[in-house]
Amino acid sequence: MTNGPHRTIIAALTLASWFTLAANSTAQSTDADSSPIEIALVSEAQTIVPGTTFTVAIHQKMKPGYHTYWRNPGTIGLPTSIEWDLPAGFKAGEIQWPIPHMTKMAAYHVWGYEGEALLLVDITPPSSLKLGAPVAIRGKATWMCCGKQCYPGFYDLSVVLPVATTSKPDPRWKPAFDRIRAEQPQESDAWKIECVEKAGQYTLRITADSATMPSPGSVHFFDFDRQISSDKPQQMKSRGKRMVLTLQAEKHTPDKLDRLRGILVAKRSWGKDASFRTLAVDVPITRK
């Protein structure tokens, strides 16, 4: 039987071979007709106001049969990233990821996006920013778009915005930005979450604080730190006000951590009056 370190090496070599295949196809991917992805930097706001945070996004549009990856792709894959080149005094936040979906890379189930993805980032300009000339927001994006084969992407993105005393949203993008904000994980005292790991199997016990709490419906866990396999099925059972989710360990993970971090995505909602579907998870792992 192949042990853990060997499995990690095999996974790395497999990914390396896909990168080699993708690198050989880079010239094709720069052609708009042959590339499986369109990517751009877009802004929710039409103007920049000194000292006021605004939001931009990496907009990805994939051809049918292709996908990009979430912050943790799962068993294999590469997440989108961006290295900012901002004007002096500007600060960028972390990527705010949309809810991921189950998709496939070769034989593996992975976590990513098909169709379109909008990756939000908050940008804060300095309060000393002067009115006048437009400002360019720039960054070098890196991504992997996979389908029948993988296409790596390395591209300088930019959006130019004027500086003004007031701002208003761009109607082309405002609804999509609002939708992605609504998908961001939220904490809730209405649910208690416990995690136990034994022999490579994780058990999440999710208990409502009230017997009258409406069921969120089916739920799926997406892991931040490669502790949980994206490729193995997740099994859920409901017992009164408690749900039990059984997860399998990621075989290729480099480390076993003391905490489980990620999101629980519900089919419906996590609260009586709340409308959020994404519950933040950050709990200690009891190992037996």
Protein backbone atom coordinates (compact mmCIF):
# COMPACT_ATOMS: atom_id res chain seq x y z
CA MET A 1 0.00 0.00 0.00
CA THR A 2 1.25 3.48 -0.83
CA ASN A 3 1.91 5.53 2.28
CA GLY A 4 1.01 9.18 2.88
CA PRO A 5 4.29 10.84 1.78
CA HIS A 6 4.34 8.76 -1.42
CA ARG A 7 0.76 9.72 -2.18
CA THR A 8 1.70 13.39 -1.73
CA ILE A 9 4.59 12.98 -4.19
CA ILE A 10 2.35 11.20 -6.70
CA ALA A 11 -0.24 13.99 -6.45
CA ALA A 12 2.45 16.63 -6.94
CA LEU A 13 3.85 14.83 -9.99
CA THR A 14 0.38 14.46 -11.45
CA LEU A 15 -0.28 18.19 -11.04
CA ALA A 16 3.16 18.98 -12.45
CA SER A 17 2.39 16.94 -15.56
CA TRP A 18 -0.87 18.86 -16.06
CA PHE A 19 1.02 22.14 -15.66
CA THR A 20 3.47 20.99 -18.33
CA LEU A 21 0.62 20.14 -20.66
CA ALA A 22 -0.98 23.50 -19.92
CA ALA A 23 2.27 25.41 -20.41
CA ASN A 24 2.60 23.87 -23.86
CA SER A 25 -0.86 25.26 -24.65
CA THR A 26 -0.25 28.79 -23.41
CA ALA A 27 0.17 30.22 -26.89
CA GLN A 28 -3.28 28.94 -27.82
CA SER A 29 -4.86 30.35 -24.67
CA THR A 30 -3.81 33.89 -25.59
CA ASP A 31 -5.99 33.69 -28.70
CA ALA A 32 -9.48 34.99 -27.84
CA ASP A 33 -11.07 32.41 -30.14
CA SER A 34 -9.27 29.42 -28.59
CA SER A 35 -8.97 30.49 -24.96
CA PRO A 36 -11.51 28.82 -22.65
CA ILE A 37 -11.69 31.88 -20.38
CA GLU A 38 -12.27 35.62 -20.54
CA ILE A 39 -10.93 37.54 -17.54
CA ALA A 40 -11.10 41.20 -16.56
CA LEU A 41 -10.89 43.53 -13.57
CA VAL A 42 -14.19 45.33 -12.99
CA SER A 43 -15.36 47.89 -10.43
CA GLU A 44 -18.63 48.17 -8.56
CA ALA A 45 -18.13 51.92 -8.17
CA GLN A 46 -17.90 54.35 -11.05
CA THR A 47 -15.65 56.73 -9.12
CA ILE A 48 -13.14 56.69 -6.26
CA VAL A 49 -13.80 58.83 -3.18
CA PRO A 50 -10.72 59.68 -1.06
CA GLY A 51 -10.57 57.54 2.10
CA THR A 52 -13.67 55.50 1.15
CA THR A 53 -13.37 51.77 0.50
CA PHE A 54 -14.69 50.53 -2.82
CA THR A 55 -14.83 47.04 -4.33
CA VAL A 56 -13.37 45.62 -7.51
CA ALA A 57 -13.58 42.04 -8.77
CA ILE A 58 -11.76 39.56 -10.93
CA HIS A 59 -14.44 38.56 -13.42
CA GLN A 60 -13.99 35.15 -15.03
CA LYS A 61 -16.19 33.79 -17.80
CA MET A 62 -15.47 30.20 -18.83
CA LYS A 63 -16.54 28.31 -21.92
CA PRO A 64 -18.80 25.26 -21.34
CA GLY A 65 -16.83 22.30 -20.02
CA TYR A 66 -14.17 24.43 -18.30
CA HIS A 67 -13.73 25.58 -14.71
CA THR A 68 -11.48 27.63 -12.44
CA TYR A 69 -10.79 26.91 -8.78
CA TRP A 70 -11.91 28.03 -5.33
CA ARG A 71 -9.47 29.17 -2.61
CA ASN A 72 -8.94 25.47 -1.78
CA PRO A 73 -9.32 23.52 -5.03
CA GLY A 74 -9.55 20.27 -3.10
CA THR A 75 -7.64 17.16 -4.10
CA ILE A 76 -5.96 18.87 -7.05
CA GLY A 77 -5.95 22.26 -8.76
CA LEU A 78 -4.71 25.84 -8.42
CA PRO A 79 -6.73 28.78 -7.03
CA THR A 80 -6.89 32.16 -8.70
CA SER A 81 -4.63 34.80 -7.12
CA ILE A 82 -3.63 38.39 -7.81
CA GLU A 83 -0.52 40.39 -7.01
CA TRP A 84 -1.50 44.02 -6.69
CA ASP A 85 0.40 46.99 -8.12
CA LEU A 86 -1.51 49.85 -6.50
CA PRO A 87 -0.81 53.58 -6.31
CA ALA A 88 0.91 54.84 -3.16
CA GLY A 89 -1.32 54.73 -0.08
CA PHE A 90 -3.87 52.27 -1.54
CA LYS A 91 -4.53 49.01 0.33
CA ALA A 92 -6.18 45.81 -0.92
CA GLY A 93 -8.09 43.27 1.16
CA GLU A 94 -8.33 39.51 0.71
CA ILE A 95 -10.36 37.86 -2.04
CA GLN A 96 -14.01 37.35 -1.09
CA TRP A 97 -14.85 34.04 -2.73
CA PRO A 98 -18.27 33.10 -4.11
CA ILE A 99 -19.78 29.80 -3.00
CA PRO A 100 -17.87 27.05 -4.85
CA HIS A 101 -19.38 24.17 -6.76
CA MET A 102 -18.47 20.55 -7.27
CA THR A 103 -16.77 20.07 -10.63
CA LYS A 104 -14.31 17.58 -12.10
CA MET A 105 -10.67 17.64 -13.17
CA ALA A 106 -9.96 14.38 -14.99
CA ALA A 107 -11.01 11.64 -12.55
CA TYR A 108 -11.09 13.92 -9.50
CA HIS A 109 -13.97 15.86 -7.98
CA VAL A 110 -12.73 19.35 -7.11
CA TRP A 111 -14.11 22.66 -5.83
CA GLY A 112 -14.38 25.53 -8.26
CA TYR A 113 -16.49 27.56 -10.66
CA GLU A 114 -18.13 26.92 -14.00
CA GLY A 115 -19.79 29.50 -16.22
CA GLU A 116 -18.87 32.75 -14.46
CA ALA A 117 -17.11 33.74 -11.26
CA LEU A 118 -16.76 37.13 -9.59
CA LEU A 119 -13.96 37.33 -7.00
CA LEU A 120 -14.44 40.46 -4.89
CA VAL A 121 -11.64 42.53 -3.34
CA ASP A 122 -12.05 45.68 -1.23
CA ILE A 123 -9.69 48.54 -2.06
CA THR A 124 -9.13 51.46 0.33
CA PRO A 125 -7.60 54.65 -1.09
CA PRO A 126 -5.80 57.19 1.12
CA SER A 127 -7.86 60.06 2.52
CA SER A 128 -5.21 62.41 1.11
CA LEU A 129 -6.00 61.36 -2.46
CA LYS A 130 -6.49 64.45 -4.57
CA LEU A 131 -9.35 65.06 -6.93
CA GLY A 132 -8.44 65.24 -10.56
CA ALA A 133 -6.68 62.70 -12.74
CA PRO A 134 -8.10 59.17 -13.00
CA VAL A 135 -6.40 56.40 -11.03
CA ALA A 136 -5.42 52.99 -12.43
CA ILE A 137 -6.01 49.94 -10.22
CA ARG A 138 -3.66 47.23 -11.45
CA GLY A 139 -2.73 43.67 -10.57
CA LYS A 140 -1.16 40.58 -12.10
CA ALA A 141 -3.67 37.73 -11.95
CA THR A 142 -2.71 34.07 -11.99
CA TRP A 143 -5.25 31.32 -12.58
CA MET A 144 -5.77 27.80 -13.90
CA CYS A 145 -8.69 27.05 -16.21
CA CYS A 146 -9.22 23.34 -16.80
CA GLY A 147 -11.43 21.15 -18.93
CA LYS A 148 -10.19 18.62 -21.46
CA GLN A 149 -6.80 20.17 -20.76
CA CYS A 150 -5.50 22.89 -18.44
CA TYR A 151 -4.73 26.46 -19.43
CA PRO A 152 -2.61 28.47 -17.00
CA GLY A 153 -3.17 32.21 -17.07
CA PHE A 154 -0.81 35.06 -16.19
CA TYR A 155 -2.16 38.46 -17.14
CA ASP A 156 -1.97 42.11 -16.10
CA LEU A 157 -5.45 43.38 -15.26
CA SER A 158 -6.46 46.99 -14.72
CA VAL A 159 -9.41 49.30 -14.34
CA VAL A 160 -9.19 53.11 -14.48
CA LEU A 161 -11.48 55.19 -12.26
CA PRO A 162 -11.84 58.96 -11.77
CA VAL A 163 -11.51 60.53 -8.32
CA ALA A 164 -14.58 62.43 -7.13
CA THR A 165 -16.33 63.74 -4.02
CA THR A 166 -19.19 61.26 -4.36
CA SER A 167 -19.60 57.77 -5.71
CA LYS A 168 -22.38 55.75 -7.20
CA PRO A 169 -22.49 52.08 -8.17
CA ASP A 170 -22.18 50.86 -11.71
CA PRO A 171 -25.62 49.40 -12.59
CA ARG A 172 -23.98 46.79 -14.81
CA TRP A 173 -22.23 45.21 -11.83
CA LYS A 174 -24.07 46.20 -8.63
CA PRO A 175 -26.52 43.23 -8.56
CA ALA A 176 -23.73 40.69 -9.10
CA PHE A 177 -21.54 42.27 -6.40
CA ASP A 178 -24.47 42.21 -3.95
CA ARG A 179 -25.12 38.55 -4.71
CA ILE A 180 -21.52 37.57 -3.98
CA ARG A 181 -21.55 39.59 -0.73
CA ALA A 182 -24.64 37.65 0.35
CA GLU A 183 -22.68 34.42 -0.19
CA GLN A 184 -19.90 35.37 2.23
CA PRO A 185 -19.71 33.12 5.34
CA GLN A 186 -21.37 34.32 8.51
CA GLU A 187 -21.09 33.21 12.12
CA SER A 188 -24.15 32.18 14.12
CA ASP A 189 -24.74 31.41 17.79
CA ALA A 190 -27.83 29.44 16.77
CA TRP A 191 -25.70 26.45 15.79
CA LYS A 192 -23.13 24.44 17.75
CA ILE A 193 -20.54 22.62 15.65
CA GLU A 194 -18.28 19.83 16.91
CA CYS A 195 -15.66 17.88 14.96
CA VAL A 196 -14.23 14.43 15.68
CA GLU A 197 -11.64 12.60 13.57
CA LYS A 198 -10.98 8.88 13.79
CA ALA A 199 -9.00 6.74 11.35
CA GLY A 200 -9.24 9.24 8.51
CA GLN A 201 -12.94 9.95 8.95
CA TYR A 202 -14.25 13.28 10.18
CA THR A 203 -17.63 13.63 11.86
CA LEU A 204 -19.25 17.05 12.06
CA ARG A 205 -22.09 17.34 14.56
CA ILE A 206 -24.20 20.41 13.80
CA THR A 207 -26.78 21.10 16.51
CA ALA A 208 -29.46 23.81 16.54
CA ASP A 209 -29.98 25.71 19.79
CA SER A 210 -33.75 25.40 19.36
CA ALA A 211 -35.96 22.46 18.40
CA THR A 212 -38.08 24.86 16.35
CA MET A 213 -35.20 25.98 14.14
CA PRO A 214 -36.15 25.31 10.50
CA SER A 215 -34.01 22.75 8.73
CA PRO A 216 -31.42 24.27 6.39
CA GLY A 217 -31.91 21.31 4.07
CA SER A 218 -28.95 19.43 2.65
CA VAL A 219 -25.55 20.88 3.49
CA HIS A 220 -22.06 20.53 2.05
CA PHE A 221 -18.76 21.33 3.75
CA PHE A 222 -15.94 23.08 1.89
CA ASP A 223 -12.62 22.96 3.71
CA PHE A 224 -10.09 25.81 3.80
CA ASP A 225 -6.96 23.83 4.70
CA ARG A 226 -6.89 20.55 2.73
CA GLN A 227 -7.99 18.43 5.68
CA ILE A 228 -11.12 17.12 3.94
CA SER A 229 -11.22 15.33 0.58
CA SER A 230 -13.13 17.02 -2.23
CA ASP A 231 -13.10 13.75 -4.12
CA LYS A 232 -14.87 11.56 -1.55
CA PRO A 233 -18.64 11.74 -0.99
CA GLN A 234 -20.06 13.50 2.07
CA GLN A 235 -22.83 11.72 3.95
CA MET A 236 -25.45 13.60 5.97
CA LYS A 237 -27.98 12.31 8.50
CA SER A 238 -30.55 14.36 10.43
CA ARG A 239 -31.50 13.41 13.97
CA GLY A 240 -34.02 15.83 15.44
CA LYS A 241 -32.35 19.19 15.80
CA ARG A 242 -28.92 17.67 15.04
CA MET A 243 -27.29 16.99 11.69
CA VAL A 244 -24.34 14.65 11.38
CA LEU A 245 -22.03 15.09 8.41
CA THR A 246 -19.44 12.38 7.68
CA LEU A 247 -16.36 13.49 5.75
CA GLN A 248 -13.24 11.70 4.52
CA ALA A 249 -9.70 12.96 5.08
CA GLU A 250 -7.68 14.36 2.19
CA LYS A 251 -4.96 11.78 1.58
CA HIS A 252 -2.53 14.26 0.06
CA THR A 253 -2.65 16.87 2.83
CA PRO A 254 0.78 17.97 4.09
CA ASP A 255 -0.29 18.42 7.72
CA LYS A 256 -2.94 17.38 10.18
CA LEU A 257 -4.18 20.53 11.91
CA ASP A 258 -5.75 21.10 15.32
CA ARG A 259 -8.73 23.01 13.93
CA LEU A 260 -11.18 22.53 11.09
CA ARG A 261 -11.86 25.70 9.12
CA GLY A 262 -14.19 26.17 6.19
CA ILE A 263 -17.81 26.80 5.27
CA LEU A 264 -21.04 24.85 5.51
CA VAL A 265 -23.27 25.71 2.54
CA ALA A 266 -26.98 25.03 3.06
CA LYS A 267 -29.58 24.41 0.40
CA ARG A 268 -31.92 26.84 2.17
CA SER A 269 -30.95 29.08 5.12
CA TRP A 270 -29.21 28.87 8.51
CA GLY A 271 -31.75 30.88 10.53
CA LYS A 272 -35.37 31.61 11.27
CA ASP A 273 -35.13 35.17 10.09
CA ALA A 274 -31.73 35.06 8.38
CA SER A 275 -31.29 34.52 4.67
CA PHE A 276 -27.64 33.48 4.61
CA ARG A 277 -26.70 30.06 3.23
CA THR A 278 -23.00 30.05 4.14
CA LEU A 279 -22.08 29.27 7.76
CA ALA A 280 -18.50 29.91 8.90
CA VAL A 281 -16.75 26.97 10.56
CA ASP A 282 -13.67 27.24 12.81
CA VAL A 283 -13.73 24.53 15.47
CA PRO A 284 -11.20 22.34 17.31
CA ILE A 285 -10.67 18.79 16.05
CA THR A 286 -10.93 15.99 18.60
CA ARG A 287 -8.79 13.12 17.33
CA LYS A 288 -9.39 9.57 18.57
